[in-house]
Amino acid sequence: VMAEILSEFVPFHKTPRFATWSSGSPGEVFQKMTAPFRDCVRTGCSAIGVRNLVQGVQVEDEDGREELFDGVIFAVAAPVAHRILSRWGEATLVEKAVLPRIAYTTDRDSSMA
């Protein structure tokens, strides 16, 4: 049932082919990925709240500062994204239903290798 609901939001049948790098630390991969727009990427601060506004996306950091952005990309675990979205009640019904229930495992499906 959840797959049917999610398929409206996530095009599982159109999975894109992702580019990969054969080696490198997570930091090196991040640098390569963000090189084209490095001046637009903020790192080294923790977002604790996100609010959608007409003008853009307001982000509150751990020091209580609020700043407006065009958009936000969450590079965090699902439960953390849920906590950030829930601070100001911004989580959608699907996010509320899915994000806190995502479980992580070290097992891998051999068909995905």
Protein backbone atom coordinates (compact mmCIF):
# COMPACT_ATOMS: atom_id res chain seq x y z
CA VAL A 1 0.00 0.00 0.00
CA MET A 2 2.79 2.46 0.88
CA ALA A 3 4.49 1.77 -2.47
CA GLU A 4 1.27 2.70 -4.24
CA ILE A 5 1.02 5.94 -2.27
CA LEU A 6 4.69 6.78 -2.76
CA SER A 7 4.59 6.03 -6.49
CA GLU A 8 2.56 9.22 -6.90
CA PHE A 9 5.52 11.21 -5.54
CA VAL A 10 8.56 9.06 -6.39
CA PRO A 11 8.79 7.75 -9.96
CA PHE A 12 10.11 4.28 -9.08
CA HIS A 13 9.54 3.12 -12.66
CA LYS A 14 11.84 5.89 -13.94
CA THR A 15 14.91 5.36 -11.79
CA PRO A 16 17.69 7.62 -13.15
CA ARG A 17 21.17 6.31 -13.83
CA PHE A 18 23.52 7.91 -11.34
CA ALA A 19 27.12 8.86 -12.02
CA THR A 20 29.64 7.50 -9.55
CA TRP A 21 33.28 7.99 -8.73
CA SER A 22 35.41 4.91 -8.33
CA SER A 23 37.28 6.21 -5.32
CA GLY A 24 37.38 9.00 -2.84
CA SER A 25 36.31 9.84 0.65
CA PRO A 26 32.81 11.18 1.31
CA GLY A 27 34.34 14.65 1.55
CA GLU A 28 35.99 14.31 -1.87
CA VAL A 29 32.75 13.05 -3.42
CA PHE A 30 30.87 16.00 -1.88
CA GLN A 31 33.44 18.43 -3.30
CA LYS A 32 33.05 16.93 -6.79
CA MET A 33 29.27 16.96 -6.59
CA THR A 34 29.02 20.56 -5.45
CA ALA A 35 31.81 22.08 -7.56
CA PRO A 36 29.46 23.69 -10.13
CA PHE A 37 27.52 25.54 -7.43
CA ARG A 38 29.94 25.63 -4.51
CA ASP A 39 29.17 29.28 -3.72
CA CYS A 40 25.51 28.32 -3.12
CA VAL A 41 26.14 25.44 -0.69
CA ARG A 42 26.14 25.99 3.05
CA THR A 43 27.93 23.45 5.23
CA GLY A 44 29.12 23.29 8.81
CA CYS A 45 25.86 24.38 10.40
CA SER A 46 22.91 22.40 11.68
CA ALA A 47 19.41 23.22 10.51
CA ILE A 48 16.81 22.64 13.21
CA GLY A 49 13.73 23.94 11.41
CA VAL A 50 12.50 24.55 7.87
CA ARG A 51 9.42 26.54 6.88
CA ASN A 52 7.96 27.03 3.39
CA LEU A 53 7.11 30.65 2.64
CA VAL A 54 5.87 32.42 -0.47
CA GLN A 55 9.31 34.01 -0.89
CA GLY A 56 11.25 30.74 -0.47
CA VAL A 57 12.32 28.39 2.30
CA GLN A 58 13.18 29.76 5.72
CA VAL A 59 15.81 27.76 7.61
CA GLU A 60 16.54 28.11 11.32
CA ASP A 61 19.99 27.01 12.43
CA GLU A 62 21.13 25.70 15.80
CA ASP A 63 22.07 29.24 16.91
CA GLY A 64 18.52 30.51 16.30
CA ARG A 65 19.44 32.42 13.14
CA GLU A 66 16.87 32.33 10.35
CA GLU A 67 17.74 32.73 6.68
CA LEU A 68 15.73 32.57 3.46
CA PHE A 69 16.77 30.25 0.60
CA ASP A 70 15.34 29.30 -2.79
CA GLY A 71 15.28 25.64 -1.75
CA VAL A 72 16.75 23.07 0.62
CA ILE A 73 18.28 19.66 0.02
CA PHE A 74 18.30 17.36 3.03
CA ALA A 75 21.44 15.22 3.28
CA VAL A 76 20.44 13.60 6.56
CA ALA A 77 18.83 10.41 7.80
CA ALA A 78 15.06 10.21 7.35
CA PRO A 79 14.24 10.58 11.08
CA VAL A 80 16.37 13.75 11.22
CA ALA A 81 14.61 15.20 8.17
CA HIS A 82 11.28 14.42 9.86
CA ARG A 83 12.36 16.22 13.05
CA ILE A 84 13.50 19.30 11.07
CA LEU A 85 10.30 19.42 9.00
CA SER A 86 8.13 18.90 12.09
CA ARG A 87 9.59 21.79 14.10
CA TRP A 88 7.15 24.27 12.54
CA GLY A 89 4.58 21.70 11.41
CA GLU A 90 5.80 21.68 7.81
CA ALA A 91 5.89 17.91 7.28
CA THR A 92 3.34 16.73 4.72
CA LEU A 93 1.04 13.78 5.42
CA VAL A 94 3.30 11.49 3.38
CA GLU A 95 6.45 12.76 5.16
CA LYS A 96 4.78 12.25 8.54
CA ALA A 97 3.79 8.71 7.59
CA VAL A 98 7.02 7.61 5.93
CA LEU A 99 10.05 9.41 7.38
CA PRO A 100 9.84 8.24 11.01
CA ARG A 101 9.29 4.64 9.93
CA ILE A 102 12.28 4.23 7.64
CA ALA A 103 14.57 1.56 9.03
CA TYR A 104 18.19 1.17 8.01
CA THR A 105 19.98 -2.12 7.57
CA THR A 106 23.43 -3.36 6.69
CA ASP A 107 21.94 -6.21 4.63
CA ARG A 108 22.04 -5.70 0.90
CA ASP A 109 19.87 -7.16 -1.79
CA SER A 110 22.25 -8.99 -4.14
CA SER A 111 20.10 -7.97 -7.12
CA MET A 112 20.97 -4.33 -6.40
CA ALA A 113 24.74 -4.82 -6.66
